[in-house]
């Protein structure tokens, strides 16, 4: 009898592990996610150390437009955003719900994203197959790394869906995924299925990021060299693969060269996400 019980538990754990790899979402389903991010960046210029702190809160709604056994089409819309930043001793505040803020310089910068739905094709493993061109005109790599812009590139995992490996899993198993290039941002992540707890899949990630290339920001060409470490933990709904919440930390060091001057930087980003189905 004991052997039968143990065998049943073993088979159940295997079945739950297989279930952990599936994304089962249907047309019309919606998810609302709120991401709170804090980025602290220290720069060394002319022998002086300057610290910039940016805190943002963004709410995004994702909707499944089409769903099949092999891929999904998901529309993603930035619903609202607030920002509180301290840069070079100057405080900057922004709230997308305030008309006067949307009519200002910061509002002009986000109008191409706020309230504009962008569609992504997603594979059955949660990877982005196609992504829309940026509507903001130019990309800021610092914002991309901190999550301020919400940019998602082809080959990356969609943040709102569980990352799916090409093998069966049980708690404790790990798998490696990579995306991007050094010219954009290259990510190499090791995911681990930490635990299956009720209807929750708990997945941890540790990884590295590298950027070594040029970028144009506000009309200036910059040479950017960055190396960083990533770690975090997320909880997903086992039945569907939708994100329920998570935390992540990014620690980046490197330099930015512009107009012949190299500026060392040290950047730390912490992000907390809460999500719910609508």
Protein backbone atom coordinates (compact mmCIF):
# COMPACT_ATOMS: atom_id res chain seq x y z
CA UNK A 1 0.00 0.00 0.00
CA UNK A 2 2.80 2.39 0.92
CA UNK A 3 4.53 1.63 -2.35
CA UNK A 4 1.33 2.38 -4.29
CA UNK A 5 0.93 5.73 -2.52
CA UNK A 6 4.56 6.68 -3.17
CA UNK A 7 4.24 5.68 -6.82
CA UNK A 8 1.09 7.77 -7.16
CA UNK A 9 2.81 10.80 -5.65
CA UNK A 10 5.78 10.32 -7.98
CA UNK A 11 3.52 10.16 -11.06
CA UNK A 12 1.61 13.21 -9.82
CA UNK A 13 4.83 15.20 -9.45
CA UNK A 14 5.82 14.27 -13.02
CA UNK A 15 2.40 15.32 -14.32
CA UNK A 16 2.63 18.64 -12.48
CA UNK A 17 6.08 19.17 -13.90
CA UNK A 18 4.79 18.63 -17.44
CA UNK A 19 1.87 20.97 -16.74
CA UNK A 20 4.36 23.61 -15.63
CA UNK A 21 5.67 23.86 -19.18
CA UNK A 22 2.37 24.67 -20.87
CA UNK A 23 0.96 28.04 -21.78
CA UNK A 24 -2.81 27.63 -21.98
CA UNK A 25 -4.36 31.00 -22.74
CA UNK A 26 -7.51 31.70 -24.75
CA UNK A 27 -8.68 34.43 -27.09
CA UNK A 28 -10.24 37.32 -25.17
CA UNK A 29 -8.37 36.76 -21.91
CA UNK A 30 -6.88 39.89 -20.33
CA UNK A 31 -4.16 40.47 -17.76
CA UNK A 32 -3.39 43.72 -15.94
CA UNK A 33 0.13 44.09 -14.58
CA UNK A 34 1.61 46.89 -12.48
CA UNK A 35 5.39 47.20 -12.41
CA UNK A 36 7.14 49.35 -9.79
CA UNK A 37 10.75 50.08 -10.70
CA UNK A 38 13.56 51.90 -8.93
CA UNK A 39 16.75 52.69 -10.82
CA UNK A 40 19.78 54.17 -9.06
CA UNK A 41 22.56 55.24 -11.41
CA UNK A 42 25.89 56.67 -10.28
CA UNK A 43 28.15 58.42 -12.79
CA UNK A 44 31.72 59.67 -12.41
CA UNK A 45 32.30 62.96 -14.23
CA UNK A 46 35.27 65.33 -13.86
CA UNK A 47 36.27 63.66 -10.61
CA UNK A 48 32.82 64.00 -9.11
CA UNK A 49 30.25 61.33 -8.38
CA UNK A 50 26.65 62.07 -9.33
CA UNK A 51 23.68 59.91 -8.38
CA UNK A 52 20.40 59.85 -10.29
CA UNK A 53 17.39 58.03 -8.87
CA UNK A 54 14.32 57.23 -10.97
CA UNK A 55 11.19 55.54 -9.62
CA UNK A 56 8.41 54.57 -12.01
CA UNK A 57 5.09 52.78 -11.70
CA UNK A 58 3.49 51.56 -14.91
CA UNK A 59 0.24 49.66 -15.47
CA UNK A 60 -0.08 47.56 -18.61
CA UNK A 61 -3.03 45.58 -19.96
CA UNK A 62 -2.35 42.54 -22.15
CA UNK A 63 -5.13 40.90 -24.21
CA UNK A 64 -5.04 37.65 -26.16
CA UNK A 65 -6.17 38.52 -29.70
CA UNK A 66 -5.63 35.09 -31.25
CA UNK A 67 -4.65 31.72 -29.79
CA UNK A 68 -3.66 28.40 -31.35
CA UNK A 69 -1.61 25.35 -30.42
CA UNK A 70 1.56 26.86 -31.87
CA UNK A 71 1.39 30.62 -31.26
CA UNK A 72 -0.51 33.52 -29.75
CA UNK A 73 -1.16 37.13 -30.72
CA UNK A 74 -1.18 39.45 -27.72
CA UNK A 75 -2.05 43.13 -27.69
CA UNK A 76 -0.27 45.15 -25.03
CA UNK A 77 -1.26 48.63 -23.92
CA UNK A 78 0.42 50.95 -21.41
CA UNK A 79 -2.56 52.23 -19.41
CA UNK A 80 -0.87 54.71 -17.07
CA UNK A 81 2.52 55.69 -15.72
CA UNK A 82 3.97 57.80 -12.94
CA UNK A 83 7.58 58.83 -12.47
CA UNK A 84 9.53 60.50 -9.69
CA UNK A 85 13.17 61.24 -10.50
CA UNK A 86 16.07 63.13 -8.99
CA UNK A 87 18.69 64.07 -11.58
CA UNK A 88 21.64 66.35 -10.86
CA UNK A 89 19.84 67.71 -7.83
CA UNK A 90 16.67 68.48 -9.79
CA UNK A 91 13.40 66.71 -8.97
CA UNK A 92 11.20 65.61 -11.86
CA UNK A 93 7.65 64.32 -11.41
CA UNK A 94 5.23 62.95 -13.98
CA UNK A 95 1.72 61.49 -13.79
CA UNK A 96 0.01 60.42 -17.00
CA UNK A 97 -3.39 61.04 -15.41
CA UNK A 98 -2.61 64.77 -15.16
CA UNK A 99 -3.32 66.82 -18.29
CA UNK A 100 -0.66 69.40 -17.46
CA UNK A 101 1.96 66.65 -17.28
CA UNK A 102 0.85 65.11 -20.58
CA UNK A 103 1.09 68.55 -22.22
CA UNK A 104 4.70 68.90 -21.04
CA UNK A 105 8.02 67.55 -22.32
CA UNK A 106 7.71 64.20 -20.58
CA UNK A 107 4.19 63.78 -21.91
CA UNK A 108 5.43 64.30 -25.45
CA UNK A 109 8.00 61.55 -24.90
CA UNK A 110 5.43 58.94 -23.82
CA UNK A 111 2.50 59.82 -26.10
CA UNK A 112 3.73 57.29 -28.65
CA UNK A 113 3.38 54.52 -26.05
CA UNK A 114 0.64 55.54 -23.63
CA UNK A 115 -2.78 54.22 -24.59
CA UNK A 116 -1.47 52.79 -27.86
CA UNK A 117 -1.93 49.04 -28.27
CA UNK A 118 1.00 47.13 -29.74
CA UNK A 119 0.64 43.56 -30.95
CA UNK A 120 3.16 40.77 -30.44
CA UNK A 121 3.21 37.27 -31.86
CA UNK A 122 4.28 34.80 -29.19
CA UNK A 123 5.43 31.20 -29.63
CA UNK A 124 3.97 28.32 -27.63
CA UNK A 125 7.06 28.59 -25.40
CA UNK A 126 6.42 32.26 -24.57
CA UNK A 127 9.04 33.81 -26.87
CA UNK A 128 8.38 36.91 -28.95
CA UNK A 129 8.25 36.00 -32.67
CA UNK A 130 7.35 39.44 -34.02
CA UNK A 131 7.29 42.84 -32.31
CA UNK A 132 6.06 46.25 -33.51
CA UNK A 133 8.47 48.99 -34.44
CA UNK A 134 8.99 51.60 -31.73
CA UNK A 135 6.49 54.45 -31.92
CA UNK A 136 8.62 56.79 -29.86
CA UNK A 137 11.12 57.51 -32.63
CA UNK A 138 14.24 56.60 -30.74
CA UNK A 139 15.26 54.14 -28.04
CA UNK A 140 16.97 55.05 -24.80
CA UNK A 141 19.10 52.08 -23.69
CA UNK A 142 19.04 53.19 -20.06
CA UNK A 143 15.26 53.13 -20.12
CA UNK A 144 15.26 49.77 -21.85
CA UNK A 145 17.45 48.25 -19.13
CA UNK A 146 15.43 49.76 -16.32
CA UNK A 147 12.08 48.80 -17.79
CA UNK A 148 10.91 52.41 -18.11
CA UNK A 149 10.17 52.11 -21.83
CA UNK A 150 8.66 48.64 -21.72
CA UNK A 151 10.52 47.68 -24.89
CA UNK A 152 10.24 43.98 -25.77
CA UNK A 153 12.41 42.57 -28.56
CA UNK A 154 12.11 39.55 -30.84
CA UNK A 155 13.57 36.47 -29.17
CA UNK A 156 12.90 37.64 -25.62
CA UNK A 157 10.42 36.02 -23.26
CA UNK A 158 7.18 37.92 -22.88
CA UNK A 159 7.31 39.02 -19.22
CA UNK A 160 3.67 38.14 -18.54
CA UNK A 161 3.95 34.44 -19.51
CA UNK A 162 5.90 31.60 -17.92
CA UNK A 163 9.18 30.84 -19.76
CA UNK A 164 8.85 27.37 -21.25
CA UNK A 165 11.84 25.03 -21.84
CA UNK A 166 12.03 22.26 -24.45
CA UNK A 167 12.14 19.49 -21.85
CA UNK A 168 9.97 18.03 -19.12
CA UNK A 169 10.55 19.50 -15.69
CA UNK A 170 10.23 18.68 -12.04
CA UNK A 171 10.92 21.01 -9.11
CA UNK A 172 14.65 21.72 -8.91
CA UNK A 173 15.27 21.40 -12.67
CA UNK A 174 16.93 24.28 -14.56
CA UNK A 175 17.23 25.41 -18.17
CA UNK A 176 19.17 28.12 -20.01
CA UNK A 177 17.78 30.71 -22.42
CA UNK A 178 19.51 33.49 -24.34
CA UNK A 179 18.30 36.38 -26.49
CA UNK A 180 19.53 39.52 -28.19
CA UNK A 181 23.00 40.59 -29.24
CA UNK A 182 25.75 42.63 -27.64
CA UNK A 183 24.87 45.53 -29.97
CA UNK A 184 21.37 45.69 -28.48
CA UNK A 185 21.33 43.87 -25.13
CA UNK A 186 22.36 40.22 -24.88
CA UNK A 187 20.70 38.28 -22.06
CA UNK A 188 21.68 34.79 -20.91
CA UNK A 189 19.34 33.52 -18.19
CA UNK A 190 19.23 30.32 -16.17
CA UNK A 191 15.71 29.52 -14.98
CA UNK A 192 14.88 27.04 -12.22
CA UNK A 193 11.49 25.58 -11.39
CA UNK A 194 11.85 26.17 -7.67
CA UNK A 195 8.49 24.86 -6.48
CA UNK A 196 4.95 23.89 -7.46
CA UNK A 197 2.70 25.10 -4.67
CA UNK A 198 -1.00 24.57 -5.19
CA UNK A 199 -1.82 26.43 -8.40
CA UNK A 200 1.43 28.42 -8.27
CA UNK A 201 4.58 27.79 -10.28
CA UNK A 202 7.54 29.48 -8.64
CA UNK A 203 10.40 30.12 -11.06
CA UNK A 204 13.75 31.74 -10.20
CA UNK A 205 16.20 33.29 -12.63
CA UNK A 206 19.88 34.23 -12.52
CA UNK A 207 21.58 35.66 -15.55
CA UNK A 208 23.97 38.04 -17.23
CA UNK A 209 23.54 40.92 -19.63
CA UNK A 210 26.01 42.53 -22.00
CA UNK A 211 25.73 45.62 -24.17
CA UNK A 212 28.57 46.81 -26.36
CA UNK A 213 27.48 49.12 -29.14
CA UNK A 214 26.32 52.57 -30.16
CA UNK A 215 23.01 54.27 -29.49
CA UNK A 216 21.54 57.64 -30.40
CA UNK A 217 19.92 59.54 -27.55
CA UNK A 218 18.56 63.07 -28.05
CA UNK A 219 20.55 63.45 -31.26
CA UNK A 220 23.88 62.39 -29.71
CA UNK A 221 25.68 59.16 -30.60
CA UNK A 222 26.95 57.25 -27.58
CA UNK A 223 29.25 54.26 -27.26
CA UNK A 224 27.88 52.08 -24.48
CA UNK A 225 29.69 49.20 -22.77
CA UNK A 226 27.78 47.46 -20.00
CA UNK A 227 28.02 44.20 -18.07
CA UNK A 228 25.45 43.15 -15.53
CA UNK A 229 23.94 40.45 -13.38
CA UNK A 230 20.26 39.57 -13.10
CA UNK A 231 18.37 37.66 -10.43
CA UNK A 232 14.73 37.32 -9.57
CA UNK A 233 11.75 35.15 -8.71
CA UNK A 234 8.30 35.02 -10.31
CA UNK A 235 5.03 33.25 -9.59
CA UNK A 236 2.85 31.97 -12.44
CA UNK A 237 -0.58 30.39 -12.59
CA UNK A 238 0.01 26.69 -13.24
CA UNK A 239 -3.18 26.15 -15.24
CA UNK A 240 -2.48 28.89 -17.79
CA UNK A 241 1.07 30.21 -17.45
CA UNK A 242 -0.07 33.79 -16.73
CA UNK A 243 2.15 35.82 -14.42
CA UNK A 244 0.82 36.46 -10.90
CA UNK A 245 3.73 38.50 -9.52
CA UNK A 246 7.47 38.68 -9.05
CA UNK A 247 10.60 40.60 -8.19
CA UNK A 248 13.85 41.17 -10.07
CA UNK A 249 17.19 42.86 -9.50
CA UNK A 250 19.72 44.05 -12.05
CA UNK A 251 23.24 45.22 -11.17
CA UNK A 252 25.11 46.85 -14.07
CA UNK A 253 28.58 48.39 -14.41
CA UNK A 254 30.21 49.93 -17.43
CA UNK A 255 30.79 53.19 -19.26
CA UNK A 256 29.19 55.58 -21.72
CA UNK A 257 31.40 57.48 -24.16
CA UNK A 258 30.10 60.62 -25.85
CA UNK A 259 32.02 63.38 -27.63
CA UNK A 260 35.32 61.73 -26.76
CA UNK A 261 34.63 61.56 -23.02
CA UNK A 262 34.12 58.27 -21.19
CA UNK A 263 31.82 58.28 -18.17
CA UNK A 264 31.91 55.26 -15.80
CA UNK A 265 28.47 54.24 -14.54
CA UNK A 266 27.12 51.94 -11.85
CA UNK A 267 23.43 51.13 -12.10
CA UNK A 268 21.11 49.13 -9.84
CA UNK A 269 17.52 48.35 -10.79
CA UNK A 270 14.88 46.70 -8.61
CA UNK A 271 11.42 45.87 -9.93
CA UNK A 272 8.29 44.43 -8.36
CA UNK A 273 5.35 43.20 -10.45
CA UNK A 274 1.79 42.41 -9.40
CA UNK A 275 -0.67 41.00 -11.92
CA UNK A 276 -4.31 39.96 -12.09
CA UNK A 277 -6.65 38.56 -14.73
CA UNK A 278 -9.48 40.86 -15.77
